Amino acid sequence: MTPTRLAAFEGVRKPSMTRALATLTEAGLVTRTVDVADGRQLMVAISAAGLAALEESRAILDQWYNHRLDQLSSGDHGRLNAAVAALSRLAGERPHHGHGGA
């Protein structure tokens, strides 16, 4: 994706995205290549190191959420599952059963 398109997708201004991409590139988390279709454009993509960092971050968050959910009572789990089902109906989706398979 081009930096301009990525900025629009994320809802930030291009200069802010440019600074963020420079930092991510320096850290080896994204790569920049010239667009083969338009040599004037740069394309950015997540690198292997970026994917690994993203997966690690998600795993840490999942562990934290699961730890917090384990501290809730079964009644709280039931109320949360009912809320998820109601919100899913509002969104027009099938409910996803969360923690504990309840």
PDB file of N, CA and C in Angstrom:
ATOM      1  N   MET A   1       0.852  -1.160   0.000  1.00  0.00           N
ATOM      2  CA  MET A   1       0.000   0.000   0.000  1.00  0.00           C
ATOM      3  C   MET A   1       0.905   1.232   0.000  1.00  0.00           C
ATOM      4  N   THR A   2       0.455   2.281  -0.640  1.00  0.00           N
ATOM      5  CA  THR A   2       1.243   3.514  -0.626  1.00  0.00           C
ATOM      6  C   THR A   2       1.074   4.211   0.722  1.00  0.00           C
ATOM      7  N   PRO A   3       2.066   5.006   1.114  1.00  0.00           N
ATOM      8  CA  PRO A   3       1.933   5.753   2.364  1.00  0.00           C
ATOM      9  C   PRO A   3       0.699   6.661   2.383  1.00  0.00           C
ATOM     10  N   THR A   4       0.374   7.272   1.246  1.00  0.00           N
ATOM     11  CA  THR A   4      -0.796   8.145   1.171  1.00  0.00           C
ATOM     12  C   THR A   4      -2.077   7.356   1.416  1.00  0.00           C
ATOM     13  N   ARG A   5      -2.192   6.210   0.784  1.00  0.00           N
ATOM     14  CA  ARG A   5      -3.381   5.373   0.965  1.00  0.00           C
ATOM     15  C   ARG A   5      -3.465   4.840   2.393  1.00  0.00           C
ATOM     16  N   LEU A   6      -2.330   4.462   2.950  1.00  0.00           N
ATOM     17  CA  LEU A   6      -2.297   3.977   4.327  1.00  0.00           C
ATOM     18  C   LEU A   6      -2.722   5.081   5.289  1.00  0.00           C
ATOM     19  N   ALA A   7      -2.259   6.318   5.059  1.00  0.00           N
ATOM     20  CA  ALA A   7      -2.651   7.446   5.901  1.00  0.00           C
ATOM     21  C   ALA A   7      -4.164   7.654   5.836  1.00  0.00           C
ATOM     22  N   ALA A   8      -4.724   7.591   4.632  1.00  0.00           N
ATOM     23  CA  ALA A   8      -6.176   7.759   4.480  1.00  0.00           C
ATOM     24  C   ALA A   8      -6.921   6.633   5.183  1.00  0.00           C
ATOM     25  N   PHE A   9      -6.430   5.409   5.039  1.00  0.00           N
ATOM     26  CA  PHE A   9      -7.068   4.254   5.677  1.00  0.00           C
ATOM     27  C   PHE A   9      -7.068   4.394   7.191  1.00  0.00           C
ATOM     28  N   GLU A  10      -5.967   4.882   7.747  1.00  0.00           N
ATOM     29  CA  GLU A  10      -5.828   5.031   9.192  1.00  0.00           C
ATOM     30  C   GLU A  10      -6.420   6.341   9.709  1.00  0.00           C
ATOM     31  N   GLY A  11      -6.818   7.229   8.803  1.00  0.00           N
ATOM     32  CA  GLY A  11      -7.424   8.493   9.210  1.00  0.00           C
ATOM     33  C   GLY A  11      -6.447   9.483   9.806  1.00  0.00           C
ATOM     34  N   VAL A  12      -5.214   9.457   9.298  1.00  0.00           N
ATOM     35  CA  VAL A  12      -4.199  10.409   9.757  1.00  0.00           C
ATOM     36  C   VAL A  12      -3.674  11.190   8.559  1.00  0.00           C
ATOM     37  N   ARG A  13      -3.009  12.284   8.847  1.00  0.00           N
ATOM     38  CA  ARG A  13      -2.414  13.090   7.767  1.00  0.00           C
ATOM     39  C   ARG A  13      -1.140  12.407   7.261  1.00  0.00           C
ATOM     40  N   LYS A  14      -0.837  12.673   5.994  1.00  0.00           N
ATOM     41  CA  LYS A  14       0.329  12.038   5.381  1.00  0.00           C
ATOM     42  C   LYS A  14       1.632  12.322   6.128  1.00  0.00           C
ATOM     43  N   PRO A  15       1.893  13.555   6.607  1.00  0.00           N
ATOM     44  CA  PRO A  15       3.147  13.777   7.342  1.00  0.00           C
ATOM     45  C   PRO A  15       3.253  12.904   8.603  1.00  0.00           C
ATOM     46  N   SER A  16       2.131  12.704   9.287  1.00  0.00           N
ATOM     47  CA  SER A  16       2.149  11.842  10.476  1.00  0.00           C
ATOM     48  C   SER A  16       2.471  10.405  10.086  1.00  0.00           C
ATOM     49  N   MET A  17       1.889   9.933   8.992  1.00  0.00           N
ATOM     50  CA  MET A  17       2.147   8.573   8.526  1.00  0.00           C
ATOM     51  C   MET A  17       3.595   8.451   8.075  1.00  0.00           C
ATOM     52  N   THR A  18       4.116   9.459   7.415  1.00  0.00           N
ATOM     53  CA  THR A  18       5.503   9.430   6.952  1.00  0.00           C
ATOM     54  C   THR A  18       6.459   9.274   8.134  1.00  0.00           C
ATOM     55  N   ARG A  19       6.214  10.031   9.215  1.00  0.00           N
ATOM     56  CA  ARG A  19       7.068   9.919  10.404  1.00  0.00           C
ATOM     57  C   ARG A  19       6.942   8.533  11.030  1.00  0.00           C
ATOM     58  N   ALA A  20       5.725   8.023  11.131  1.00  0.00           N
ATOM     59  CA  ALA A  20       5.515   6.701  11.723  1.00  0.00           C
ATOM     60  C   ALA A  20       6.197   5.624  10.880  1.00  0.00           C
ATOM     61  N   LEU A  21       6.062   5.722   9.564  1.00  0.00           N
ATOM     62  CA  LEU A  21       6.690   4.728   8.687  1.00  0.00           C
ATOM     63  C   LEU A  21       8.210   4.793   8.756  1.00  0.00           C
ATOM     64  N   ALA A  22       8.761   5.995   8.913  1.00  0.00           N
ATOM     65  CA  ALA A  22      10.222   6.123   9.043  1.00  0.00           C
ATOM     66  C   ALA A  22      10.692   5.389  10.295  1.00  0.00           C
ATOM     67  N   THR A  23       9.974   5.559  11.387  1.00  0.00           N
ATOM     68  CA  THR A  23      10.323   4.879  12.636  1.00  0.00           C
ATOM     69  C   THR A  23      10.188   3.368  12.490  1.00  0.00           C
ATOM     70  N   LEU A  24       9.099   2.928  11.879  1.00  0.00           N
ATOM     71  CA  LEU A  24       8.877   1.486  11.689  1.00  0.00           C
ATOM     72  C   LEU A  24       9.906   0.882  10.736  1.00  0.00           C
ATOM     73  N   THR A  25      10.302   1.638   9.725  1.00  0.00           N
ATOM     74  CA  THR A  25      11.318   1.160   8.780  1.00  0.00           C
ATOM     75  C   THR A  25      12.661   1.026   9.478  1.00  0.00           C
ATOM     76  N   GLU A  26      13.027   2.030  10.281  1.00  0.00           N
ATOM     77  CA  GLU A  26      14.288   1.978  11.031  1.00  0.00           C
ATOM     78  C   GLU A  26      14.324   0.779  11.974  1.00  0.00           C
ATOM     79  N   ALA A  27      13.181   0.440  12.525  1.00  0.00           N
ATOM     80  CA  ALA A  27      13.096  -0.699  13.443  1.00  0.00           C
ATOM     81  C   ALA A  27      13.018  -2.026  12.701  1.00  0.00           C
ATOM     82  N   GLY A  28      12.920  -1.982  11.373  1.00  0.00           N
ATOM     83  CA  GLY A  28      12.848  -3.204  10.577  1.00  0.00           C
ATOM     84  C   GLY A  28      11.475  -3.856  10.566  1.00  0.00           C
ATOM     85  N   LEU A  29      10.444  -3.095  10.952  1.00  0.00           N
ATOM     86  CA  LEU A  29       9.097  -3.666  11.045  1.00  0.00           C
ATOM     87  C   LEU A  29       8.298  -3.522   9.761  1.00  0.00           C
ATOM     88  N   VAL A  30       8.698  -2.597   8.892  1.00  0.00           N
ATOM     89  CA  VAL A  30       8.085  -2.458   7.571  1.00  0.00           C
ATOM     90  C   VAL A  30       9.179  -2.316   6.528  1.00  0.00           C
ATOM     91  N   THR A  31       8.814  -2.602   5.300  1.00  0.00           N
ATOM     92  CA  THR A  31       9.737  -2.429   4.177  1.00  0.00           C
ATOM     93  C   THR A  31       9.141  -1.422   3.212  1.00  0.00           C
ATOM     94  N   ARG A  32      10.013  -0.742   2.500  1.00  0.00           N
ATOM     95  CA  ARG A  32       9.592   0.208   1.462  1.00  0.00           C
ATOM     96  C   ARG A  32      10.206  -0.250   0.151  1.00  0.00           C
ATOM     97  N   THR A  33       9.370  -0.326  -0.875  1.00  0.00           N
ATOM     98  CA  THR A  33       9.841  -0.685  -2.207  1.00  0.00           C
ATOM     99  C   THR A  33       9.205   0.248  -3.227  1.00  0.00           C
ATOM    100  N   VAL A  34       9.841   0.348  -4.383  1.00  0.00           N
ATOM    101  CA  VAL A  34       9.284   1.157  -5.464  1.00  0.00           C
ATOM    102  C   VAL A  34       8.165   0.362  -6.118  1.00  0.00           C
ATOM    103  N   ASP A  35       7.039   1.033  -6.376  1.00  0.00           N
ATOM    104  CA  ASP A  35       5.898   0.410  -7.034  1.00  0.00           C
ATOM    105  C   ASP A  35       6.288   0.042  -8.463  1.00  0.00           C
ATOM    106  N   VAL A  36       6.160  -1.235  -8.813  1.00  0.00           N
ATOM    107  CA  VAL A  36       6.545  -1.674 -10.161  1.00  0.00           C
ATOM    108  C   VAL A  36       5.626  -1.093 -11.223  1.00  0.00           C
ATOM    109  N   ALA A  37       4.372  -0.780 -10.866  1.00  0.00           N
ATOM    110  CA  ALA A  37       3.436  -0.210 -11.828  1.00  0.00           C
ATOM    111  C   ALA A  37       3.659   1.286 -12.030  1.00  0.00           C
ATOM    112  N   ASP A  38       4.187   1.962 -11.000  1.00  0.00           N
ATOM    113  CA  ASP A  38       4.417   3.404 -11.066  1.00  0.00           C
ATOM    114  C   ASP A  38       5.676   3.717 -10.270  1.00  0.00           C
ATOM    115  N   GLY A  39       6.785   3.828 -10.946  1.00  0.00           N
ATOM    116  CA  GLY A  39       8.080   4.025 -10.315  1.00  0.00           C
ATOM    117  C   GLY A  39       8.181   5.271  -9.454  1.00  0.00           C
ATOM    118  N   ARG A  40       7.197   6.156  -9.552  1.00  0.00           N
ATOM    119  CA  ARG A  40       7.204   7.372  -8.725  1.00  0.00           C
ATOM    120  C   ARG A  40       6.654   7.097  -7.327  1.00  0.00           C
ATOM    121  N   GLN A  41       5.962   5.984  -7.164  1.00  0.00           N
ATOM    122  CA  GLN A  41       5.302   5.667  -5.897  1.00  0.00           C
ATOM    123  C   GLN A  41       6.131   4.687  -5.068  1.00  0.00           C
ATOM    124  N   LEU A  42       6.094   4.882  -3.766  1.00  0.00           N
ATOM    125  CA  LEU A  42       6.673   3.911  -2.840  1.00  0.00           C
ATOM    126  C   LEU A  42       5.555   3.039  -2.301  1.00  0.00           C
ATOM    127  N   MET A  43       5.870   1.788  -2.086  1.00  0.00           N
ATOM    128  CA  MET A  43       4.928   0.864  -1.476  1.00  0.00           C
ATOM    129  C   MET A  43       5.523   0.452  -0.133  1.00  0.00           C
ATOM    130  N   VAL A  44       4.668   0.337   0.878  1.00  0.00           N
ATOM    131  CA  VAL A  44       5.111  -0.130   2.183  1.00  0.00           C
ATOM    132  C   VAL A  44       4.394  -1.438   2.485  1.00  0.00           C
ATOM    133  N   ALA A  45       5.117  -2.304   3.181  1.00  0.00           N
ATOM    134  CA  ALA A  45       4.552  -3.601   3.568  1.00  0.00           C
ATOM    135  C   ALA A  45       5.151  -4.004   4.905  1.00  0.00           C
ATOM    136  N   ILE A  46       4.418  -4.798   5.639  1.00  0.00           N
ATOM    137  CA  ILE A  46       4.929  -5.292   6.911  1.00  0.00           C
ATOM    138  C   ILE A  46       6.020  -6.321   6.625  1.00  0.00           C
ATOM    139  N   SER A  47       7.091  -6.275   7.385  1.00  0.00           N
ATOM    140  CA  SER A  47       8.200  -7.214   7.209  1.00  0.00           C
ATOM    141  C   SER A  47       7.957  -8.465   8.042  1.00  0.00           C
ATOM    142  N   ALA A  48       8.814  -9.455   7.876  1.00  0.00           N
ATOM    143  CA  ALA A  48       8.718 -10.672   8.698  1.00  0.00           C
ATOM    144  C   ALA A  48       8.872 -10.324  10.170  1.00  0.00           C
ATOM    145  N   ALA A  49       9.793  -9.404  10.477  1.00  0.00           N
ATOM    146  CA  ALA A  49       9.976  -8.977  11.863  1.00  0.00           C
ATOM    147  C   ALA A  49       8.737  -8.232  12.364  1.00  0.00           C
ATOM    148  N   GLY A  50       8.103  -7.466  11.485  1.00  0.00           N
ATOM    149  CA  GLY A  50       6.881  -6.763  11.845  1.00  0.00           C
ATOM    150  C   GLY A  50       5.747  -7.724  12.145  1.00  0.00           C
ATOM    151  N   LEU A  51       5.623  -8.771  11.321  1.00  0.00           N
ATOM    152  CA  LEU A  51       4.596  -9.792  11.577  1.00  0.00           C
ATOM    153  C   LEU A  51       4.839 -10.500  12.896  1.00  0.00           C
ATOM    154  N   ALA A  52       6.100 -10.811  13.168  1.00  0.00           N
ATOM    155  CA  ALA A  52       6.434 -11.476  14.430  1.00  0.00           C
ATOM    156  C   ALA A  52       6.100 -10.574  15.614  1.00  0.00           C
ATOM    157  N   ALA A  53       6.408  -9.281  15.506  1.00  0.00           N
ATOM    158  CA  ALA A  53       6.105  -8.344  16.589  1.00  0.00           C
ATOM    159  C   ALA A  53       4.600  -8.206  16.773  1.00  0.00           C
ATOM    160  N   LEU A  54       3.862  -8.188  15.674  1.00  0.00           N
ATOM    161  CA  LEU A  54       2.401  -8.097  15.740  1.00  0.00           C
ATOM    162  C   LEU A  54       1.814  -9.333  16.415  1.00  0.00           C
ATOM    163  N   GLU A  55       2.292 -10.503  16.030  1.00  0.00           N
ATOM    164  CA  GLU A  55       1.813 -11.745  16.644  1.00  0.00           C
ATOM    165  C   GLU A  55       2.137 -11.781  18.138  1.00  0.00           C
ATOM    166  N   GLU A  56       3.330 -11.335  18.507  1.00  0.00           N
ATOM    167  CA  GLU A  56       3.714 -11.312  19.918  1.00  0.00           C
ATOM    168  C   GLU A  56       2.823 -10.350  20.699  1.00  0.00           C
ATOM    169  N   SER A  57       2.556  -9.185  20.112  1.00  0.00           N
ATOM    170  CA  SER A  57       1.699  -8.202  20.769  1.00  0.00           C
ATOM    171  C   SER A  57       0.296  -8.751  20.964  1.00  0.00           C
ATOM    172  N   ARG A  58      -0.232  -9.412  19.943  1.00  0.00           N
ATOM    173  CA  ARG A  58      -1.564 -10.011  20.044  1.00  0.00           C
ATOM    174  C   ARG A  58      -1.594 -11.109  21.098  1.00  0.00           C
ATOM    175  N   ALA A  59      -0.553 -11.902  21.171  1.00  0.00           N
ATOM    176  CA  ALA A  59      -0.492 -12.981  22.166  1.00  0.00           C
ATOM    177  C   ALA A  59      -0.467 -12.402  23.582  1.00  0.00           C
ATOM    178  N   ILE A  60       0.270 -11.326  23.775  1.00  0.00           N
ATOM    179  CA  ILE A  60       0.325 -10.683  25.092  1.00  0.00           C
ATOM    180  C   ILE A  60      -1.057 -10.144  25.477  1.00  0.00           C
ATOM    181  N   LEU A  61      -1.716  -9.493  24.529  1.00  0.00           N
ATOM    182  CA  LEU A  61      -3.061  -8.980  24.804  1.00  0.00           C
ATOM    183  C   LEU A  61      -4.045 -10.110  25.089  1.00  0.00           C
ATOM    184  N   ASP A  62      -3.990 -11.175  24.278  1.00  0.00           N
ATOM    185  CA  ASP A  62      -4.875 -12.323  24.502  1.00  0.00           C
ATOM    186  C   ASP A  62      -4.656 -12.912  25.886  1.00  0.00           C
ATOM    187  N   GLN A  63      -3.404 -13.035  26.289  1.00  0.00           N
ATOM    188  CA  GLN A  63      -3.084 -13.581  27.610  1.00  0.00           C
ATOM    189  C   GLN A  63      -3.646 -12.672  28.707  1.00  0.00           C
ATOM    190  N   TRP A  64      -3.500 -11.364  28.538  1.00  0.00           N
ATOM    191  CA  TRP A  64      -4.004 -10.423  29.526  1.00  0.00           C
ATOM    192  C   TRP A  64      -5.528 -10.515  29.627  1.00  0.00           C
ATOM    193  N   TYR A  65      -6.211 -10.509  28.462  1.00  0.00           N
ATOM    194  CA  TYR A  65      -7.674 -10.598  28.483  1.00  0.00           C
ATOM    195  C   TYR A  65      -8.139 -11.906  29.105  1.00  0.00           C
ATOM    196  N   ASN A  66      -7.512 -13.000  28.726  1.00  0.00           N
ATOM    197  CA  ASN A  66      -7.904 -14.299  29.282  1.00  0.00           C
ATOM    198  C   ASN A  66      -7.688 -14.344  30.791  1.00  0.00           C
ATOM    199  N   HIS A  67      -6.599 -13.758  31.261  1.00  0.00           N
ATOM    200  CA  HIS A  67      -6.350 -13.698  32.701  1.00  0.00           C
ATOM    201  C   HIS A  67      -7.456 -12.905  33.393  1.00  0.00           C
ATOM    202  N   ARG A  68      -7.815 -11.773  32.798  1.00  0.00           N
ATOM    203  CA  ARG A  68      -8.875 -10.943  33.381  1.00  0.00           C
ATOM    204  C   ARG A  68     -10.216 -11.675  33.346  1.00  0.00           C
ATOM    205  N   LEU A  69     -10.528 -12.351  32.246  1.00  0.00           N
ATOM    206  CA  LEU A  69     -11.793 -13.090  32.140  1.00  0.00           C
ATOM    207  C   LEU A  69     -11.851 -14.228  33.145  1.00  0.00           C
ATOM    208  N   ASP A  70     -10.714 -14.852  33.423  1.00  0.00           N
ATOM    209  CA  ASP A  70     -10.675 -15.940  34.406  1.00  0.00           C
ATOM    210  C   ASP A  70     -11.055 -15.450  35.800  1.00  0.00           C
ATOM    211  N   GLN A  71     -10.929 -14.163  36.046  1.00  0.00           N
ATOM    212  CA  GLN A  71     -11.238 -13.609  37.357  1.00  0.00           C
ATOM    213  C   GLN A  71     -12.736 -13.318  37.533  1.00  0.00           C
ATOM    214  N   LEU A  72     -13.518 -13.446  36.459  1.00  0.00           N
ATOM    215  CA  LEU A  72     -14.950 -13.182  36.535  1.00  0.00           C
ATOM    216  C   LEU A  72     -15.714 -14.413  37.007  1.00  0.00           C
ATOM    217  N   SER A  73     -16.856 -14.172  37.586  1.00  0.00           N
ATOM    218  CA  SER A  73     -17.721 -15.265  38.028  1.00  0.00           C
ATOM    219  C   SER A  73     -18.429 -15.873  36.820  1.00  0.00           C
ATOM    220  N   SER A  74     -19.002 -17.063  37.015  1.00  0.00           N
ATOM    221  CA  SER A  74     -19.755 -17.699  35.924  1.00  0.00           C
ATOM    222  C   SER A  74     -20.961 -16.847  35.544  1.00  0.00           C
ATOM    223  N   GLY A  75     -21.548 -16.155  36.523  1.00  0.00           N
ATOM    224  CA  GLY A  75     -22.657 -15.248  36.217  1.00  0.00           C
ATOM    225  C   GLY A  75     -22.224 -14.103  35.318  1.00  0.00           C
ATOM    226  N   ASP A  76     -21.043 -13.564  35.607  1.00  0.00           N
ATOM    227  CA  ASP A  76     -20.505 -12.497  34.757  1.00  0.00           C
ATOM    228  C   ASP A  76     -20.253 -13.011  33.337  1.00  0.00           C
ATOM    229  N   HIS A  77     -19.725 -14.237  33.233  1.00  0.00           N
ATOM    230  CA  HIS A  77     -19.495 -14.831  31.904  1.00  0.00           C
ATOM    231  C   HIS A  77     -20.805 -14.955  31.149  1.00  0.00           C
ATOM    232  N   GLY A  78     -21.843 -15.399  31.840  1.00  0.00           N
ATOM    233  CA  GLY A  78     -23.150 -15.537  31.193  1.00  0.00           C
ATOM    234  C   GLY A  78     -23.679 -14.203  30.693  1.00  0.00           C
ATOM    235  N   ARG A  79     -23.543 -13.165  31.496  1.00  0.00           N
ATOM    236  CA  ARG A  79     -24.001 -11.837  31.085  1.00  0.00           C
ATOM    237  C   ARG A  79     -23.180 -11.311  29.906  1.00  0.00           C
ATOM    238  N   LEU A  80     -21.876 -11.557  29.926  1.00  0.00           N
ATOM    239  CA  LEU A  80     -21.047 -11.124  28.803  1.00  0.00           C
ATOM    240  C   LEU A  80     -21.424 -11.853  27.517  1.00  0.00           C
ATOM    241  N   ASN A  81     -21.663 -13.173  27.613  1.00  0.00           N
ATOM    242  CA  ASN A  81     -22.052 -13.934  26.429  1.00  0.00           C
ATOM    243  C   ASN A  81     -23.395 -13.458  25.891  1.00  0.00           C
ATOM    244  N   ALA A  82     -24.332 -13.106  26.774  1.00  0.00           N
ATOM    245  CA  ALA A  82     -25.624 -12.574  26.337  1.00  0.00           C
ATOM    246  C   ALA A  82     -25.435 -11.224  25.643  1.00  0.00           C
ATOM    247  N   ALA A  83     -24.547 -10.407  26.183  1.00  0.00           N
ATOM    248  CA  ALA A  83     -24.281  -9.104  25.568  1.00  0.00           C
ATOM    249  C   ALA A  83     -23.649  -9.266  24.192  1.00  0.00           C
ATOM    250  N   VAL A  84     -22.734 -10.213  24.063  1.00  0.00           N
ATOM    251  CA  VAL A  84     -22.098 -10.468  22.764  1.00  0.00           C
ATOM    252  C   VAL A  84     -23.149 -10.914  21.754  1.00  0.00           C
ATOM    253  N   ALA A  85     -24.045 -11.796  22.168  1.00  0.00           N
ATOM    254  CA  ALA A  85     -25.092 -12.271  21.267  1.00  0.00           C
ATOM    255  C   ALA A  85     -25.989 -11.114  20.823  1.00  0.00           C
ATOM    256  N   ALA A  86     -26.366 -10.249  21.756  1.00  0.00           N
ATOM    257  CA  ALA A  86     -27.218  -9.109  21.417  1.00  0.00           C
ATOM    258  C   ALA A  86     -26.494  -8.151  20.470  1.00  0.00           C
ATOM    259  N   LEU A  87     -25.245  -7.850  20.746  1.00  0.00           N
ATOM    260  CA  LEU A  87     -24.476  -6.954  19.879  1.00  0.00           C
ATOM    261  C   LEU A  87     -24.255  -7.560  18.496  1.00  0.00           C
ATOM    262  N   SER A  88     -24.043  -8.860  18.443  1.00  0.00           N
ATOM    263  CA  SER A  88     -23.877  -9.537  17.155  1.00  0.00           C
ATOM    264  C   SER A  88     -25.152  -9.449  16.334  1.00  0.00           C
ATOM    265  N   ARG A  89     -26.314  -9.607  16.996  1.00  0.00           N
ATOM    266  CA  ARG A  89     -27.589  -9.478  16.271  1.00  0.00           C
ATOM    267  C   ARG A  89     -27.739  -8.063  15.729  1.00  0.00           C
ATOM    268  N   LEU A  90     -27.371  -7.065  16.529  1.00  0.00           N
ATOM    269  CA  LEU A  90     -27.439  -5.684  16.064  1.00  0.00           C
ATOM    270  C   LEU A  90     -26.548  -5.465  14.846  1.00  0.00           C
ATOM    271  N   ALA A  91     -25.401  -6.111  14.844  1.00  0.00           N
ATOM    272  CA  ALA A  91     -24.450  -5.965  13.743  1.00  0.00           C
ATOM    273  C   ALA A  91     -24.785  -6.885  12.571  1.00  0.00           C
ATOM    274  N   GLY A  92     -25.781  -7.749  12.756  1.00  0.00           N
ATOM    275  CA  GLY A  92     -26.182  -8.658  11.687  1.00  0.00           C
ATOM    276  C   GLY A  92     -25.235  -9.816  11.491  1.00  0.00           C
ATOM    277  N   GLU A  93     -24.538 -10.202  12.551  1.00  0.00           N
ATOM    278  CA  GLU A  93     -23.575 -11.302  12.468  1.00  0.00           C
ATOM    279  C   GLU A  93     -23.992 -12.424  13.381  1.00  0.00           C
ATOM    280  N   ARG A  94     -23.413 -13.578  13.128  1.00  0.00           N
ATOM    281  CA  ARG A  94     -23.582 -14.699  14.049  1.00  0.00           C
ATOM    282  C   ARG A  94     -22.706 -14.449  15.256  1.00  0.00           C
ATOM    283  N   PRO A  95     -23.189 -14.749  16.448  1.00  0.00           N
ATOM    284  CA  PRO A  95     -22.355 -14.530  17.639  1.00  0.00           C
ATOM    285  C   PRO A  95     -21.168 -15.468  17.668  1.00  0.00           C
ATOM    286  N   HIS A  96     -20.057 -14.946  18.173  1.00  0.00           N
ATOM    287  CA  HIS A  96     -18.849 -15.744  18.395  1.00  0.00           C
ATOM    288  C   HIS A  96     -18.781 -16.016  19.869  1.00  0.00           C
ATOM    289  N   HIS A  97     -18.651 -17.270  20.228  1.00  0.00           N
ATOM    290  CA  HIS A  97     -18.557 -17.609  21.641  1.00  0.00           C
ATOM    291  C   HIS A  97     -17.148 -17.315  22.106  1.00  0.00           C
ATOM    292  N   GLY A  98     -17.080 -16.596  23.197  1.00  0.00           N
ATOM    293  CA  GLY A  98     -15.804 -16.136  23.713  1.00  0.00           C
ATOM    294  C   GLY A  98     -15.183 -17.102  24.680  1.00  0.00           C
ATOM    295  N   HIS A  99     -14.513 -16.565  25.630  1.00  0.00           N
ATOM    296  CA  HIS A  99     -13.729 -17.289  26.625  1.00  0.00           C
ATOM    297  C   HIS A  99     -14.572 -18.360  27.320  1.00  0.00           C
ATOM    298  N   GLY A 100     -14.024 -19.519  27.436  1.00  0.00           N
ATOM    299  CA  GLY A 100     -14.691 -20.592  28.176  1.00  0.00           C
ATOM    300  C   GLY A 100     -15.714 -21.346  27.362  1.00  0.00           C
ATOM    301  N   GLY A 101     -15.942 -20.961  26.102  1.00  0.00           N
ATOM    302  CA  GLY A 101     -16.868 -21.689  25.252  1.00  0.00           C
ATOM    303  C   GLY A 101     -18.310 -21.609  25.691  1.00  0.00           C
ATOM    304  N   ALA A 102     -18.642 -20.675  26.566  1.00  0.00           N
ATOM    305  CA  ALA A 102     -20.014 -20.553  27.056  1.00  0.00           C
ATOM    306  C   ALA A 102     -20.914 -19.886  26.059  1.00  0.00           C
TER     307      ALA A 102
END
